[in-house]
Amino acid sequence: MKIIATVTGCLLGQWANYWNGMSMVVYPPEDLYPLVMPSLKCIASAVLRFMIGVLTLILVKTVVQSVTLKGVLAFFRLRKTDKMLPKVQVPYRFITYMTLGVIISWTVPILHTKFGLARAGIYSEVV
């Protein structure tokens, strides 16, 4: 369930990237890519990108879990003690993990771009 929801969110995020013109088809060069050691700036940027992504995911997951659980309980007119029922857990988990997939594949790369930490080839690495 979590995997299906996360993949659905990632696909929606990638569709949003394509719709906004952030992804493109790039054909790889004929020769091999050069192998270089990463610089200190490259390593620092990678650590910052990682921290921004993880903090964003933690914040969004906390907020979405709370809001979704309250919304699903209100929709079914149930008490908080009924939160372990399958008809509450399925939409609660699906919405939560789908939102995380969208955040991972769409919002976090936009944040990296806004902070000046984006890599030039981020959308062309997977062909």
N, C-alpha and C. Protein backbone atom coordinates (compact mmCIF):
# COMPACT_ATOMS: atom_id res chain seq x y z
N MET A 1 0.81 -1.18 0.00
CA MET A 1 0.00 0.00 0.00
C MET A 1 0.87 1.26 0.00
N LYS A 2 1.88 1.27 0.89
CA LYS A 2 2.75 2.44 0.96
C LYS A 2 3.54 2.61 -0.34
N ILE A 3 3.97 1.49 -0.91
CA ILE A 3 4.75 1.55 -2.14
C ILE A 3 3.89 2.08 -3.29
N ILE A 4 2.67 1.58 -3.40
CA ILE A 4 1.78 2.03 -4.48
C ILE A 4 1.48 3.52 -4.33
N ALA A 5 1.21 3.96 -3.10
CA ALA A 5 0.91 5.37 -2.87
C ALA A 5 2.11 6.25 -3.17
N THR A 6 3.30 5.83 -2.75
CA THR A 6 4.49 6.63 -3.00
C THR A 6 4.81 6.71 -4.49
N VAL A 7 4.68 5.59 -5.20
CA VAL A 7 4.92 5.60 -6.64
C VAL A 7 3.90 6.47 -7.36
N THR A 8 2.65 6.41 -6.93
CA THR A 8 1.62 7.28 -7.51
C THR A 8 1.99 8.74 -7.32
N GLY A 9 2.43 9.10 -6.13
CA GLY A 9 2.84 10.48 -5.87
C GLY A 9 4.04 10.88 -6.70
N CYS A 10 5.01 9.98 -6.83
CA CYS A 10 6.20 10.29 -7.65
C CYS A 10 5.82 10.49 -9.11
N LEU A 11 4.91 9.65 -9.62
CA LEU A 11 4.46 9.82 -11.00
C LEU A 11 3.72 11.14 -11.20
N LEU A 12 2.89 11.50 -10.23
CA LEU A 12 2.21 12.80 -10.32
C LEU A 12 3.22 13.95 -10.29
N GLY A 13 4.24 13.82 -9.43
CA GLY A 13 5.28 14.85 -9.37
C GLY A 13 6.06 14.95 -10.65
N GLN A 14 6.40 13.81 -11.25
CA GLN A 14 7.13 13.85 -12.52
C GLN A 14 6.28 14.41 -13.65
N TRP A 15 4.99 14.11 -13.62
CA TRP A 15 4.09 14.70 -14.61
C TRP A 15 4.05 16.22 -14.43
N ALA A 16 4.01 16.68 -13.17
CA ALA A 16 4.02 18.12 -12.91
C ALA A 16 5.33 18.74 -13.38
N ASN A 17 6.46 18.04 -13.21
CA ASN A 17 7.74 18.53 -13.72
C ASN A 17 7.70 18.67 -15.24
N TYR A 18 7.17 17.67 -15.91
CA TYR A 18 7.07 17.72 -17.37
C TYR A 18 6.14 18.84 -17.81
N TRP A 19 5.01 18.98 -17.12
CA TRP A 19 4.03 20.00 -17.47
C TRP A 19 4.59 21.41 -17.27
N ASN A 20 5.45 21.57 -16.27
CA ASN A 20 6.06 22.87 -16.00
C ASN A 20 7.32 23.11 -16.82
N GLY A 21 7.71 22.16 -17.64
CA GLY A 21 8.90 22.33 -18.48
C GLY A 21 10.20 22.09 -17.76
N MET A 22 10.17 21.38 -16.63
CA MET A 22 11.40 21.15 -15.87
C MET A 22 12.14 19.89 -16.33
N SER A 23 11.48 19.01 -17.07
CA SER A 23 12.15 17.81 -17.54
C SER A 23 12.25 17.85 -19.06
N MET A 24 13.28 17.20 -19.56
CA MET A 24 13.51 17.19 -21.00
C MET A 24 14.17 15.88 -21.39
N VAL A 25 14.09 15.55 -22.64
CA VAL A 25 14.75 14.35 -23.15
C VAL A 25 16.14 14.76 -23.62
N VAL A 26 17.14 14.14 -23.03
CA VAL A 26 18.53 14.42 -23.39
C VAL A 26 19.15 13.10 -23.81
N TYR A 27 19.79 13.11 -24.94
CA TYR A 27 20.44 11.91 -25.44
C TYR A 27 21.87 11.86 -24.92
N PRO A 28 22.31 10.72 -24.40
CA PRO A 28 23.66 10.63 -23.83
C PRO A 28 24.73 10.73 -24.92
N PRO A 29 25.90 11.22 -24.56
CA PRO A 29 26.99 11.30 -25.54
C PRO A 29 27.49 9.91 -25.93
N GLU A 30 28.18 9.87 -27.02
CA GLU A 30 28.69 8.59 -27.51
C GLU A 30 29.82 8.04 -26.65
N ASP A 31 30.70 8.93 -26.11
CA ASP A 31 31.82 8.43 -25.33
C ASP A 31 31.41 8.26 -23.87
N LEU A 32 32.34 7.74 -23.11
CA LEU A 32 32.09 7.53 -21.69
C LEU A 32 32.12 8.86 -20.95
N TYR A 33 31.41 8.90 -19.86
CA TYR A 33 31.44 10.10 -19.01
C TYR A 33 32.78 10.16 -18.29
N PRO A 34 33.33 11.35 -18.12
CA PRO A 34 34.58 11.45 -17.38
C PRO A 34 34.35 11.17 -15.89
N LEU A 35 35.30 10.55 -15.26
CA LEU A 35 35.22 10.22 -13.85
C LEU A 35 36.10 11.20 -13.08
N VAL A 36 35.50 12.04 -12.26
CA VAL A 36 36.26 13.05 -11.52
C VAL A 36 35.93 12.94 -10.04
N MET A 37 36.86 13.37 -9.22
CA MET A 37 36.64 13.41 -7.77
C MET A 37 35.77 14.62 -7.44
N PRO A 38 34.80 14.46 -6.55
CA PRO A 38 33.97 15.59 -6.19
C PRO A 38 34.75 16.61 -5.36
N SER A 39 34.45 17.88 -5.60
CA SER A 39 35.12 18.93 -4.84
C SER A 39 34.40 19.12 -3.51
N LEU A 40 35.00 19.93 -2.65
CA LEU A 40 34.40 20.20 -1.35
C LEU A 40 33.06 20.92 -1.52
N LYS A 41 32.97 21.81 -2.51
CA LYS A 41 31.72 22.52 -2.77
C LYS A 41 30.63 21.54 -3.21
N CYS A 42 30.99 20.58 -4.03
CA CYS A 42 30.04 19.56 -4.50
C CYS A 42 29.54 18.71 -3.34
N ILE A 43 30.43 18.34 -2.45
CA ILE A 43 30.05 17.53 -1.29
C ILE A 43 29.15 18.34 -0.36
N ALA A 44 29.51 19.60 -0.12
CA ALA A 44 28.69 20.46 0.75
C ALA A 44 27.30 20.67 0.15
N SER A 45 27.23 20.85 -1.17
CA SER A 45 25.93 21.02 -1.83
C SER A 45 25.09 19.75 -1.69
N ALA A 46 25.71 18.60 -1.82
CA ALA A 46 24.99 17.33 -1.69
C ALA A 46 24.45 17.17 -0.27
N VAL A 47 25.24 17.52 0.73
CA VAL A 47 24.78 17.41 2.11
C VAL A 47 23.63 18.38 2.36
N LEU A 48 23.74 19.61 1.86
CA LEU A 48 22.66 20.59 2.02
C LEU A 48 21.39 20.13 1.30
N ARG A 49 21.53 19.60 0.08
CA ARG A 49 20.36 19.08 -0.63
C ARG A 49 19.69 17.96 0.16
N PHE A 50 20.50 17.08 0.71
CA PHE A 50 19.96 15.98 1.51
C PHE A 50 19.22 16.50 2.74
N MET A 51 19.82 17.44 3.45
CA MET A 51 19.20 17.97 4.67
C MET A 51 17.91 18.71 4.35
N ILE A 52 17.91 19.51 3.30
CA ILE A 52 16.69 20.23 2.91
C ILE A 52 15.59 19.23 2.55
N GLY A 53 15.93 18.19 1.81
CA GLY A 53 14.95 17.18 1.43
C GLY A 53 14.39 16.44 2.62
N VAL A 54 15.24 16.01 3.53
CA VAL A 54 14.79 15.24 4.69
C VAL A 54 13.94 16.12 5.61
N LEU A 55 14.38 17.34 5.87
CA LEU A 55 13.60 18.23 6.73
C LEU A 55 12.25 18.56 6.12
N THR A 56 12.21 18.76 4.81
CA THR A 56 10.94 19.03 4.15
C THR A 56 10.01 17.83 4.27
N LEU A 57 10.55 16.63 4.06
CA LEU A 57 9.72 15.42 4.17
C LEU A 57 9.19 15.21 5.58
N ILE A 58 10.03 15.43 6.58
CA ILE A 58 9.58 15.26 7.96
C ILE A 58 8.48 16.25 8.29
N LEU A 59 8.67 17.50 7.91
CA LEU A 59 7.67 18.53 8.17
C LEU A 59 6.35 18.22 7.47
N VAL A 60 6.42 17.89 6.20
CA VAL A 60 5.20 17.61 5.43
C VAL A 60 4.51 16.36 5.94
N LYS A 61 5.27 15.31 6.25
CA LYS A 61 4.65 14.07 6.73
C LYS A 61 3.92 14.31 8.05
N THR A 62 4.52 15.08 8.95
CA THR A 62 3.88 15.36 10.23
C THR A 62 2.57 16.11 10.03
N VAL A 63 2.59 17.14 9.20
CA VAL A 63 1.39 17.94 8.97
C VAL A 63 0.32 17.13 8.24
N VAL A 64 0.72 16.42 7.18
CA VAL A 64 -0.26 15.68 6.37
C VAL A 64 -0.87 14.53 7.18
N GLN A 65 -0.08 13.85 8.00
CA GLN A 65 -0.64 12.77 8.83
C GLN A 65 -1.72 13.30 9.76
N SER A 66 -1.44 14.41 10.40
CA SER A 66 -2.41 14.98 11.33
C SER A 66 -3.68 15.43 10.63
N VAL A 67 -3.51 16.17 9.54
CA VAL A 67 -4.67 16.69 8.82
C VAL A 67 -5.48 15.56 8.18
N THR A 68 -4.80 14.60 7.59
CA THR A 68 -5.49 13.50 6.92
C THR A 68 -6.27 12.63 7.91
N LEU A 69 -5.65 12.32 9.04
CA LEU A 69 -6.35 11.50 10.03
C LEU A 69 -7.62 12.21 10.52
N LYS A 70 -7.50 13.48 10.82
CA LYS A 70 -8.68 14.23 11.27
C LYS A 70 -9.73 14.30 10.17
N GLY A 71 -9.31 14.50 8.95
CA GLY A 71 -10.25 14.58 7.84
C GLY A 71 -10.98 13.27 7.58
N VAL A 72 -10.24 12.17 7.61
CA VAL A 72 -10.87 10.86 7.36
C VAL A 72 -11.83 10.51 8.50
N LEU A 73 -11.43 10.78 9.73
CA LEU A 73 -12.32 10.52 10.86
C LEU A 73 -13.58 11.38 10.77
N ALA A 74 -13.43 12.63 10.36
CA ALA A 74 -14.60 13.50 10.22
C ALA A 74 -15.48 13.04 9.06
N PHE A 75 -14.87 12.58 7.97
CA PHE A 75 -15.64 12.13 6.81
C PHE A 75 -16.53 10.93 7.17
N PHE A 76 -15.97 9.99 7.93
CA PHE A 76 -16.73 8.80 8.32
C PHE A 76 -17.51 9.00 9.62
N ARG A 77 -17.39 10.17 10.22
CA ARG A 77 -18.06 10.50 11.49
C ARG A 77 -17.71 9.48 12.58
N LEU A 78 -16.40 9.30 12.77
CA LEU A 78 -15.92 8.34 13.77
C LEU A 78 -15.17 9.09 14.87
N ARG A 79 -14.96 8.38 15.99
CA ARG A 79 -14.18 8.93 17.09
C ARG A 79 -12.70 8.64 16.87
N LYS A 80 -11.86 9.32 17.63
CA LYS A 80 -10.41 9.13 17.48
C LYS A 80 -9.99 7.71 17.87
N THR A 81 -10.76 7.07 18.71
CA THR A 81 -10.43 5.69 19.11
C THR A 81 -10.64 4.70 17.98
N ASP A 82 -11.35 5.10 16.92
CA ASP A 82 -11.62 4.21 15.78
C ASP A 82 -10.57 4.34 14.67
N LYS A 83 -9.44 4.95 14.98
CA LYS A 83 -8.47 5.23 13.91
C LYS A 83 -7.75 3.99 13.38
N MET A 84 -7.89 2.84 14.03
CA MET A 84 -7.24 1.63 13.55
C MET A 84 -8.12 0.82 12.61
N LEU A 85 -9.32 1.28 12.34
CA LEU A 85 -10.19 0.57 11.40
C LEU A 85 -9.62 0.64 9.99
N PRO A 86 -9.78 -0.42 9.20
CA PRO A 86 -9.23 -0.42 7.84
C PRO A 86 -9.80 0.70 6.96
N LYS A 87 -11.08 1.05 7.15
CA LYS A 87 -11.65 2.10 6.30
C LYS A 87 -11.09 3.47 6.65
N VAL A 88 -10.38 3.59 7.77
CA VAL A 88 -9.69 4.83 8.12
C VAL A 88 -8.23 4.73 7.70
N GLN A 89 -7.60 3.59 7.95
CA GLN A 89 -6.17 3.43 7.69
C GLN A 89 -5.81 3.49 6.20
N VAL A 90 -6.65 2.91 5.34
CA VAL A 90 -6.32 2.86 3.92
C VAL A 90 -6.25 4.27 3.30
N PRO A 91 -7.30 5.09 3.42
CA PRO A 91 -7.16 6.43 2.83
C PRO A 91 -6.13 7.29 3.56
N TYR A 92 -6.01 7.10 4.86
CA TYR A 92 -5.04 7.86 5.65
C TYR A 92 -3.62 7.60 5.15
N ARG A 93 -3.26 6.34 5.00
CA ARG A 93 -1.91 6.01 4.54
C ARG A 93 -1.71 6.35 3.06
N PHE A 94 -2.72 6.10 2.25
CA PHE A 94 -2.56 6.38 0.82
C PHE A 94 -2.35 7.87 0.59
N ILE A 95 -3.15 8.70 1.20
CA ILE A 95 -3.01 10.15 1.01
C ILE A 95 -1.68 10.64 1.55
N THR A 96 -1.28 10.13 2.73
CA THR A 96 -0.01 10.55 3.33
C THR A 96 1.17 10.21 2.43
N TYR A 97 1.24 8.97 1.97
CA TYR A 97 2.40 8.56 1.19
C TYR A 97 2.35 9.07 -0.25
N MET A 98 1.18 9.28 -0.79
CA MET A 98 1.09 9.90 -2.11
C MET A 98 1.61 11.34 -2.04
N THR A 99 1.25 12.04 -0.98
CA THR A 99 1.75 13.41 -0.80
C THR A 99 3.26 13.42 -0.67
N LEU A 100 3.82 12.47 0.05
CA LEU A 100 5.28 12.39 0.18
C LEU A 100 5.94 12.13 -1.17
N GLY A 101 5.33 11.30 -2.01
CA GLY A 101 5.87 11.06 -3.34
C GLY A 101 5.90 12.33 -4.18
N VAL A 102 4.83 13.12 -4.10
CA VAL A 102 4.79 14.39 -4.84
C VAL A 102 5.86 15.34 -4.31
N ILE A 103 6.01 15.39 -3.01
CA ILE A 103 7.01 16.28 -2.40
C ILE A 103 8.42 15.86 -2.83
N ILE A 104 8.67 14.55 -2.84
CA ILE A 104 10.01 14.05 -3.21
C ILE A 104 10.34 14.41 -4.65
N SER A 105 9.41 14.21 -5.56
CA SER A 105 9.74 14.33 -6.98
C SER A 105 9.44 15.70 -7.58
N TRP A 106 8.70 16.55 -6.87
CA TRP A 106 8.35 17.84 -7.47
C TRP A 106 8.77 19.01 -6.60
N THR A 107 8.38 19.02 -5.34
CA THR A 107 8.61 20.19 -4.50
C THR A 107 10.07 20.32 -4.07
N VAL A 108 10.70 19.23 -3.66
CA VAL A 108 12.08 19.31 -3.19
C VAL A 108 13.04 19.78 -4.30
N PRO A 109 12.93 19.27 -5.55
CA PRO A 109 13.79 19.84 -6.59
C PRO A 109 13.55 21.34 -6.85
N ILE A 110 12.30 21.78 -6.69
CA ILE A 110 12.03 23.22 -6.83
C ILE A 110 12.70 23.99 -5.70
N LEU A 111 12.65 23.45 -4.48
CA LEU A 111 13.35 24.10 -3.36
C LEU A 111 14.85 24.16 -3.61
N HIS A 112 15.42 23.10 -4.13
CA HIS A 112 16.85 23.10 -4.43
C HIS A 112 17.18 24.17 -5.45
N THR A 113 16.32 24.34 -6.44
CA THR A 113 16.55 25.38 -7.45
C THR A 113 16.46 26.76 -6.83
N LYS A 114 15.48 26.97 -5.96
CA LYS A 114 15.30 28.27 -5.31
C LYS A 114 16.48 28.63 -4.42
N PHE A 115 17.08 27.63 -3.77
CA PHE A 115 18.22 27.88 -2.89
C PHE A 115 19.56 27.87 -3.64
N GLY A 116 19.53 27.63 -4.95
CA GLY A 116 20.75 27.63 -5.74
C GLY A 116 21.57 26.36 -5.58
N LEU A 117 20.96 25.27 -5.18
CA LEU A 117 21.67 24.01 -4.97
C LEU A 117 21.38 22.96 -6.03
N ALA A 118 20.60 23.33 -7.03
CA ALA A 118 20.20 22.36 -8.05
C ALA A 118 21.38 21.96 -8.92
N ARG A 119 21.35 20.71 -9.35
CA ARG A 119 22.35 20.23 -10.31
C ARG A 119 21.82 20.46 -11.70
N ALA A 120 22.69 20.77 -12.61
CA ALA A 120 22.26 21.09 -13.98
C ALA A 120 21.64 19.87 -14.66
N GLY A 121 22.15 18.69 -14.39
CA GLY A 121 21.68 17.51 -15.10
C GLY A 121 20.68 16.67 -14.33
N ILE A 122 20.02 17.25 -13.35
CA ILE A 122 19.14 16.46 -12.49
C ILE A 122 18.03 15.78 -13.26
N TYR A 123 17.46 16.44 -14.25
CA TYR A 123 16.34 15.85 -14.98
C TYR A 123 16.79 15.10 -16.22
N SER A 124 18.07 15.09 -16.49
CA SER A 124 18.53 14.38 -17.69
C SER A 124 19.36 13.16 -17.33
N GLU A 125 19.50 12.82 -16.07
CA GLU A 125 20.34 11.69 -15.70
C GLU A 125 19.66 10.36 -15.94
N VAL A 126 18.35 10.30 -15.84
CA VAL A 126 17.63 9.07 -16.08
C VAL A 126 17.00 9.17 -17.47
N VAL A 127 17.48 8.36 -18.36
CA VAL A 127 16.99 8.44 -19.75
C VAL A 127 16.02 7.32 -20.00
